[in-house]
Amino acid sequence: MTLLETHWGSKVKVTNLESVQQLVRRRLGDLGVMEGSVISLRKAMPFGGPCTIEVKGQWIAIRRKDAGHIVVEALC
């Protein structure tokens, strides 16, 4: 499942970032988002706007297109 398919506020683990553009993947890695990281979707702006994710207490806004390419799995 992708990050956009998760429920807001639920914690998920990143399993695959291969379909994300390399530059975006590098920038996300600098901010702590890499395979194995626990993140949560906090907000999604209307009309196809950006999404806000939380990583280690830090909120990051990313494009909805990039959030749709992040493959995650739900944590129990």
PDB file of N, CA and C in Angstrom:
ATOM      1  N   MET A   1       0.849  -1.168   0.000  1.00  0.00           N
ATOM      2  CA  MET A   1       0.000   0.000   0.000  1.00  0.00           C
ATOM      3  C   MET A   1       0.895   1.231   0.000  1.00  0.00           C
ATOM      4  N   THR A   2       0.388   2.326  -0.521  1.00  0.00           N
ATOM      5  CA  THR A   2       1.163   3.562  -0.556  1.00  0.00           C
ATOM      6  C   THR A   2       0.807   4.432   0.643  1.00  0.00           C
ATOM      7  N   LEU A   3       1.597   5.447   0.843  1.00  0.00           N
ATOM      8  CA  LEU A   3       1.380   6.341   1.982  1.00  0.00           C
ATOM      9  C   LEU A   3       0.023   7.035   1.903  1.00  0.00           C
ATOM     10  N   LEU A   4      -0.438   7.347   0.707  1.00  0.00           N
ATOM     11  CA  LEU A   4      -1.732   8.024   0.563  1.00  0.00           C
ATOM     12  C   LEU A   4      -2.911   7.124   0.904  1.00  0.00           C
ATOM     13  N   GLU A   5      -2.722   5.816   0.903  1.00  0.00           N
ATOM     14  CA  GLU A   5      -3.798   4.879   1.200  1.00  0.00           C
ATOM     15  C   GLU A   5      -3.944   4.600   2.689  1.00  0.00           C
ATOM     16  N   THR A   6      -3.103   5.182   3.516  1.00  0.00           N
ATOM     17  CA  THR A   6      -3.167   4.948   4.956  1.00  0.00           C
ATOM     18  C   THR A   6      -4.155   5.907   5.602  1.00  0.00           C
ATOM     19  N   HIS A   7      -4.540   5.596   6.831  1.00  0.00           N
ATOM     20  CA  HIS A   7      -5.409   6.484   7.604  1.00  0.00           C
ATOM     21  C   HIS A   7      -4.554   7.580   8.229  1.00  0.00           C
ATOM     22  N   TRP A   8      -5.116   8.775   8.316  1.00  0.00           N
ATOM     23  CA  TRP A   8      -4.385   9.887   8.902  1.00  0.00           C
ATOM     24  C   TRP A   8      -4.036   9.592  10.347  1.00  0.00           C
ATOM     25  N   GLY A   9      -2.791   9.826  10.716  1.00  0.00           N
ATOM     26  CA  GLY A   9      -2.342   9.651  12.080  1.00  0.00           C
ATOM     27  C   GLY A   9      -1.858   8.258  12.426  1.00  0.00           C
ATOM     28  N   SER A  10      -2.118   7.263  11.577  1.00  0.00           N
ATOM     29  CA  SER A  10      -1.655   5.908  11.878  1.00  0.00           C
ATOM     30  C   SER A  10      -0.181   5.761  11.515  1.00  0.00           C
ATOM     31  N   LYS A  11       0.535   5.049  12.338  1.00  0.00           N
ATOM     32  CA  LYS A  11       1.970   4.858  12.107  1.00  0.00           C
ATOM     33  C   LYS A  11       2.188   3.711  11.131  1.00  0.00           C
ATOM     34  N   VAL A  12       3.080   3.940  10.175  1.00  0.00           N
ATOM     35  CA  VAL A  12       3.411   2.948   9.159  1.00  0.00           C
ATOM     36  C   VAL A  12       4.933   2.895   9.002  1.00  0.00           C
ATOM     37  N   LYS A  13       5.402   1.788   8.457  1.00  0.00           N
ATOM     38  CA  LYS A  13       6.833   1.608   8.218  1.00  0.00           C
ATOM     39  C   LYS A  13       7.097   1.681   6.727  1.00  0.00           C
ATOM     40  N   VAL A  14       8.096   2.454   6.335  1.00  0.00           N
ATOM     41  CA  VAL A  14       8.469   2.594   4.928  1.00  0.00           C
ATOM     42  C   VAL A  14       9.161   1.316   4.483  1.00  0.00           C
ATOM     43  N   THR A  15       8.675   0.706   3.399  1.00  0.00           N
ATOM     44  CA  THR A  15       9.274  -0.539   2.915  1.00  0.00           C
ATOM     45  C   THR A  15       9.986  -0.381   1.586  1.00  0.00           C
ATOM     46  N   ASN A  16       9.579   0.603   0.762  1.00  0.00           N
ATOM     47  CA  ASN A  16      10.192   0.732  -0.554  1.00  0.00           C
ATOM     48  C   ASN A  16      10.118   2.177  -1.024  1.00  0.00           C
ATOM     49  N   LEU A  17      11.265   2.717  -1.421  1.00  0.00           N
ATOM     50  CA  LEU A  17      11.337   4.064  -1.964  1.00  0.00           C
ATOM     51  C   LEU A  17      11.875   4.061  -3.389  1.00  0.00           C
ATOM     52  N   GLU A  18      11.930   2.904  -4.022  1.00  0.00           N
ATOM     53  CA  GLU A  18      12.539   2.785  -5.351  1.00  0.00           C
ATOM     54  C   GLU A  18      11.809   3.582  -6.425  1.00  0.00           C
ATOM     55  N   SER A  19      10.502   3.741  -6.319  1.00  0.00           N
ATOM     56  CA  SER A  19       9.766   4.446  -7.362  1.00  0.00           C
ATOM     57  C   SER A  19       9.758   5.964  -7.169  1.00  0.00           C
ATOM     58  N   VAL A  20      10.345   6.444  -6.080  1.00  0.00           N
ATOM     59  CA  VAL A  20      10.467   7.883  -5.840  1.00  0.00           C
ATOM     60  C   VAL A  20      11.691   8.381  -6.604  1.00  0.00           C
ATOM     61  N   GLN A  21      11.611   9.582  -7.158  1.00  0.00           N
ATOM     62  CA  GLN A  21      12.741  10.147  -7.888  1.00  0.00           C
ATOM     63  C   GLN A  21      13.981  10.189  -7.004  1.00  0.00           C
ATOM     64  N   GLN A  22      15.141  10.013  -7.623  1.00  0.00           N
ATOM     65  CA  GLN A  22      16.388   9.900  -6.863  1.00  0.00           C
ATOM     66  C   GLN A  22      16.676  11.160  -6.045  1.00  0.00           C
ATOM     67  N   LEU A  23      16.462  12.333  -6.604  1.00  0.00           N
ATOM     68  CA  LEU A  23      16.712  13.570  -5.873  1.00  0.00           C
ATOM     69  C   LEU A  23      15.792  13.701  -4.660  1.00  0.00           C
ATOM     70  N   VAL A  24      14.530  13.352  -4.836  1.00  0.00           N
ATOM     71  CA  VAL A  24      13.569  13.408  -3.734  1.00  0.00           C
ATOM     72  C   VAL A  24      13.935  12.371  -2.677  1.00  0.00           C
ATOM     73  N   ARG A  25      14.340  11.176  -3.123  1.00  0.00           N
ATOM     74  CA  ARG A  25      14.739  10.115  -2.188  1.00  0.00           C
ATOM     75  C   ARG A  25      15.933  10.561  -1.341  1.00  0.00           C
ATOM     76  N   ARG A  26      16.876  11.262  -1.979  1.00  0.00           N
ATOM     77  CA  ARG A  26      18.053  11.733  -1.241  1.00  0.00           C
ATOM     78  C   ARG A  26      17.657  12.776  -0.210  1.00  0.00           C
ATOM     79  N   ARG A  27      16.782  13.700  -0.606  1.00  0.00           N
ATOM     80  CA  ARG A  27      16.345  14.745   0.333  1.00  0.00           C
ATOM     81  C   ARG A  27      15.533  14.168   1.474  1.00  0.00           C
ATOM     82  N   LEU A  28      14.687  13.195   1.180  1.00  0.00           N
ATOM     83  CA  LEU A  28      13.934  12.531   2.247  1.00  0.00           C
ATOM     84  C   LEU A  28      14.881  11.802   3.190  1.00  0.00           C
ATOM     85  N   GLY A  29      15.905  11.169   2.636  1.00  0.00           N
ATOM     86  CA  GLY A  29      16.901  10.490   3.467  1.00  0.00           C
ATOM     87  C   GLY A  29      17.628  11.455   4.389  1.00  0.00           C
ATOM     88  N   ASP A  30      17.917  12.653   3.901  1.00  0.00           N
ATOM     89  CA  ASP A  30      18.559  13.666   4.738  1.00  0.00           C
ATOM     90  C   ASP A  30      17.667  14.085   5.895  1.00  0.00           C
ATOM     91  N   LEU A  31      16.343  13.974   5.699  1.00  0.00           N
ATOM     92  CA  LEU A  31      15.393  14.347   6.741  1.00  0.00           C
ATOM     93  C   LEU A  31      14.978  13.162   7.619  1.00  0.00           C
ATOM     94  N   GLY A  32      15.522  11.978   7.344  1.00  0.00           N
ATOM     95  CA  GLY A  32      15.252  10.817   8.184  1.00  0.00           C
ATOM     96  C   GLY A  32      14.239   9.839   7.634  1.00  0.00           C
ATOM     97  N   VAL A  33      13.776  10.053   6.401  1.00  0.00           N
ATOM     98  CA  VAL A  33      12.815   9.129   5.796  1.00  0.00           C
ATOM     99  C   VAL A  33      13.589   8.173   4.899  1.00  0.00           C
ATOM    100  N   MET A  34      13.717   6.937   5.340  1.00  0.00           N
ATOM    101  CA  MET A  34      14.388   5.899   4.560  1.00  0.00           C
ATOM    102  C   MET A  34      13.683   4.580   4.825  1.00  0.00           C
ATOM    103  N   GLU A  35      14.063   3.549   4.095  1.00  0.00           N
ATOM    104  CA  GLU A  35      13.419   2.247   4.287  1.00  0.00           C
ATOM    105  C   GLU A  35      13.621   1.789   5.726  1.00  0.00           C
ATOM    106  N   GLY A  36      12.528   1.400   6.355  1.00  0.00           N
ATOM    107  CA  GLY A  36      12.558   0.983   7.748  1.00  0.00           C
ATOM    108  C   GLY A  36      12.126   2.069   8.720  1.00  0.00           C
ATOM    109  N   SER A  37      12.003   3.296   8.252  1.00  0.00           N
ATOM    110  CA  SER A  37      11.576   4.407   9.113  1.00  0.00           C
ATOM    111  C   SER A  37      10.091   4.297   9.431  1.00  0.00           C
ATOM    112  N   VAL A  38       9.727   4.749  10.612  1.00  0.00           N
ATOM    113  CA  VAL A  38       8.318   4.796  11.011  1.00  0.00           C
ATOM    114  C   VAL A  38       7.832   6.225  10.808  1.00  0.00           C
ATOM    115  N   ILE A  39       6.793   6.381   9.985  1.00  0.00           N
ATOM    116  CA  ILE A  39       6.255   7.699   9.681  1.00  0.00           C
ATOM    117  C   ILE A  39       4.743   7.657   9.816  1.00  0.00           C
ATOM    118  N   SER A  40       4.122   8.818   9.780  1.00  0.00           N
ATOM    119  CA  SER A  40       2.658   8.869   9.771  1.00  0.00           C
ATOM    120  C   SER A  40       2.206  10.044   8.908  1.00  0.00           C
ATOM    121  N   LEU A  41       1.096   9.853   8.226  1.00  0.00           N
ATOM    122  CA  LEU A  41       0.495  10.894   7.402  1.00  0.00           C
ATOM    123  C   LEU A  41      -0.335  11.777   8.320  1.00  0.00           C
ATOM    124  N   ARG A  42      -0.031  13.070   8.364  1.00  0.00           N
ATOM    125  CA  ARG A  42      -0.718  13.980   9.272  1.00  0.00           C
ATOM    126  C   ARG A  42      -1.799  14.801   8.589  1.00  0.00           C
ATOM    127  N   LYS A  43      -1.519  15.347   7.429  1.00  0.00           N
ATOM    128  CA  LYS A  43      -2.496  16.172   6.726  1.00  0.00           C
ATOM    129  C   LYS A  43      -2.332  15.979   5.229  1.00  0.00           C
ATOM    130  N   ALA A  44      -3.401  16.175   4.498  1.00  0.00           N
ATOM    131  CA  ALA A  44      -3.362  16.212   3.040  1.00  0.00           C
ATOM    132  C   ALA A  44      -4.203  17.409   2.624  1.00  0.00           C
ATOM    133  N   MET A  45      -3.597  18.352   1.972  1.00  0.00           N
ATOM    134  CA  MET A  45      -4.288  19.568   1.583  1.00  0.00           C
ATOM    135  C   MET A  45      -5.274  19.271   0.447  1.00  0.00           C
ATOM    136  N   PRO A  46      -6.337  20.035   0.360  1.00  0.00           N
ATOM    137  CA  PRO A  46      -7.345  19.786  -0.686  1.00  0.00           C
ATOM    138  C   PRO A  46      -6.842  20.166  -2.080  1.00  0.00           C
ATOM    139  N   PHE A  47      -7.594  19.708  -3.072  1.00  0.00           N
ATOM    140  CA  PHE A  47      -7.343  20.026  -4.476  1.00  0.00           C
ATOM    141  C   PHE A  47      -5.978  19.548  -4.957  1.00  0.00           C
ATOM    142  N   GLY A  48      -5.506  18.408  -4.460  1.00  0.00           N
ATOM    143  CA  GLY A  48      -4.236  17.841  -4.918  1.00  0.00           C
ATOM    144  C   GLY A  48      -3.013  18.540  -4.369  1.00  0.00           C
ATOM    145  N   GLY A  49      -3.163  19.239  -3.272  1.00  0.00           N
ATOM    146  CA  GLY A  49      -2.037  19.955  -2.665  1.00  0.00           C
ATOM    147  C   GLY A  49      -1.088  19.016  -1.945  1.00  0.00           C
ATOM    148  N   PRO A  50      -0.096  19.570  -1.252  1.00  0.00           N
ATOM    149  CA  PRO A  50       0.918  18.748  -0.589  1.00  0.00           C
ATOM    150  C   PRO A  50       0.378  17.975   0.614  1.00  0.00           C
ATOM    151  N   CYS A  51       1.147  16.976   1.023  1.00  0.00           N
ATOM    152  CA  CYS A  51       0.831  16.173   2.200  1.00  0.00           C
ATOM    153  C   CYS A  51       1.866  16.472   3.279  1.00  0.00           C
ATOM    154  N   THR A  52       1.451  16.369   4.517  1.00  0.00           N
ATOM    155  CA  THR A  52       2.363  16.564   5.635  1.00  0.00           C
ATOM    156  C   THR A  52       2.542  15.233   6.334  1.00  0.00           C
ATOM    157  N   ILE A  53       3.807  14.837   6.515  1.00  0.00           N
ATOM    158  CA  ILE A  53       4.116  13.593   7.219  1.00  0.00           C
ATOM    159  C   ILE A  53       4.915  13.922   8.468  1.00  0.00           C
ATOM    160  N   GLU A  54       4.871  13.009   9.423  1.00  0.00           N
ATOM    161  CA  GLU A  54       5.640  13.181  10.652  1.00  0.00           C
ATOM    162  C   GLU A  54       6.698  12.092  10.719  1.00  0.00           C
ATOM    163  N   VAL A  55       7.927  12.511  10.957  1.00  0.00           N
ATOM    164  CA  VAL A  55       9.060  11.595  11.083  1.00  0.00           C
ATOM    165  C   VAL A  55       9.852  12.000  12.306  1.00  0.00           C
ATOM    166  N   LYS A  56       9.902  11.141  13.312  1.00  0.00           N
ATOM    167  CA  LYS A  56      10.668  11.400  14.531  1.00  0.00           C
ATOM    168  C   LYS A  56      10.319  12.748  15.156  1.00  0.00           C
ATOM    169  N   GLY A  57       9.022  13.084  15.176  1.00  0.00           N
ATOM    170  CA  GLY A  57       8.567  14.325  15.775  1.00  0.00           C
ATOM    171  C   GLY A  57       8.694  15.541  14.880  1.00  0.00           C
ATOM    172  N   GLN A  58       9.198  15.368  13.686  1.00  0.00           N
ATOM    173  CA  GLN A  58       9.395  16.474  12.743  1.00  0.00           C
ATOM    174  C   GLN A  58       8.347  16.384  11.638  1.00  0.00           C
ATOM    175  N   TRP A  59       7.686  17.472  11.315  1.00  0.00           N
ATOM    176  CA  TRP A  59       6.664  17.493  10.277  1.00  0.00           C
ATOM    177  C   TRP A  59       7.295  17.981   8.986  1.00  0.00           C
ATOM    178  N   ILE A  60       7.043  17.257   7.895  1.00  0.00           N
ATOM    179  CA  ILE A  60       7.627  17.562   6.593  1.00  0.00           C
ATOM    180  C   ILE A  60       6.505  17.589   5.562  1.00  0.00           C
ATOM    181  N   ALA A  61       6.493  18.597   4.708  1.00  0.00           N
ATOM    182  CA  ALA A  61       5.516  18.672   3.623  1.00  0.00           C
ATOM    183  C   ALA A  61       6.163  18.142   2.346  1.00  0.00           C
ATOM    184  N   ILE A  62       5.467  17.223   1.678  1.00  0.00           N
ATOM    185  CA  ILE A  62       5.956  16.669   0.419  1.00  0.00           C
ATOM    186  C   ILE A  62       4.829  16.721  -0.612  1.00  0.00           C
ATOM    187  N   ARG A  63       5.195  16.636  -1.877  1.00  0.00           N
ATOM    188  CA  ARG A  63       4.182  16.640  -2.924  1.00  0.00           C
ATOM    189  C   ARG A  63       3.336  15.376  -2.825  1.00  0.00           C
ATOM    190  N   ARG A  64       2.072  15.509  -3.161  1.00  0.00           N
ATOM    191  CA  ARG A  64       1.156  14.370  -3.131  1.00  0.00           C
ATOM    192  C   ARG A  64       1.640  13.272  -4.084  1.00  0.00           C
ATOM    193  N   LYS A  65       2.198  13.668  -5.222  1.00  0.00           N
ATOM    194  CA  LYS A  65       2.715  12.715  -6.202  1.00  0.00           C
ATOM    195  C   LYS A  65       3.819  11.848  -5.577  1.00  0.00           C
ATOM    196  N   ASP A  66       4.719  12.469  -4.826  1.00  0.00           N
ATOM    197  CA  ASP A  66       5.806  11.722  -4.188  1.00  0.00           C
ATOM    198  C   ASP A  66       5.278  10.829  -3.064  1.00  0.00           C
ATOM    199  N   ALA A  67       4.287  11.314  -2.321  1.00  0.00           N
ATOM    200  CA  ALA A  67       3.703  10.505  -1.248  1.00  0.00           C
ATOM    201  C   ALA A  67       3.017   9.264  -1.815  1.00  0.00           C
ATOM    202  N   GLY A  68       2.486   9.376  -3.021  1.00  0.00           N
ATOM    203  CA  GLY A  68       1.824   8.241  -3.668  1.00  0.00           C
ATOM    204  C   GLY A  68       2.789   7.171  -4.137  1.00  0.00           C
ATOM    205  N   HIS A  69       4.089   7.503  -4.208  1.00  0.00           N
ATOM    206  CA  HIS A  69       5.087   6.518  -4.629  1.00  0.00           C
ATOM    207  C   HIS A  69       5.795   5.842  -3.448  1.00  0.00           C
ATOM    208  N   ILE A  70       5.569   6.308  -2.234  1.00  0.00           N
ATOM    209  CA  ILE A  70       6.195   5.715  -1.051  1.00  0.00           C
ATOM    210  C   ILE A  70       5.381   4.500  -0.624  1.00  0.00           C
ATOM    211  N   VAL A  71       6.004   3.330  -0.682  1.00  0.00           N
ATOM    212  CA  VAL A  71       5.332   2.078  -0.316  1.00  0.00           C
ATOM    213  C   VAL A  71       5.561   1.825   1.176  1.00  0.00           C
ATOM    214  N   VAL A  72       4.470   1.568   1.902  1.00  0.00           N
ATOM    215  CA  VAL A  72       4.532   1.385   3.356  1.00  0.00           C
ATOM    216  C   VAL A  72       3.775   0.134   3.767  1.00  0.00           C
ATOM    217  N   GLU A  73       3.992  -0.283   4.999  1.00  0.00           N
ATOM    218  CA  GLU A  73       3.195  -1.368   5.581  1.00  0.00           C
ATOM    219  C   GLU A  73       2.727  -0.916   6.958  1.00  0.00           C
ATOM    220  N   ALA A  74       1.535  -1.332   7.326  1.00  0.00           N
ATOM    221  CA  ALA A  74       0.935  -0.912   8.588  1.00  0.00           C
ATOM    222  C   ALA A  74       1.642  -1.592   9.760  1.00  0.00           C
ATOM    223  N   LEU A  75       1.746  -0.861  10.850  1.00  0.00           N
ATOM    224  CA  LEU A  75       2.276  -1.424  12.090  1.00  0.00           C
ATOM    225  C   LEU A  75       1.119  -1.803  12.991  1.00  0.00           C
ATOM    226  N   CYS A  76       1.256  -2.897  13.690  1.00  0.00           N
ATOM    227  CA  CYS A  76       0.183  -3.361  14.580  1.00  0.00           C
ATOM    228  C   CYS A  76       0.311  -2.760  15.950  1.00  0.00           C
TER     229      CYS A  76
END
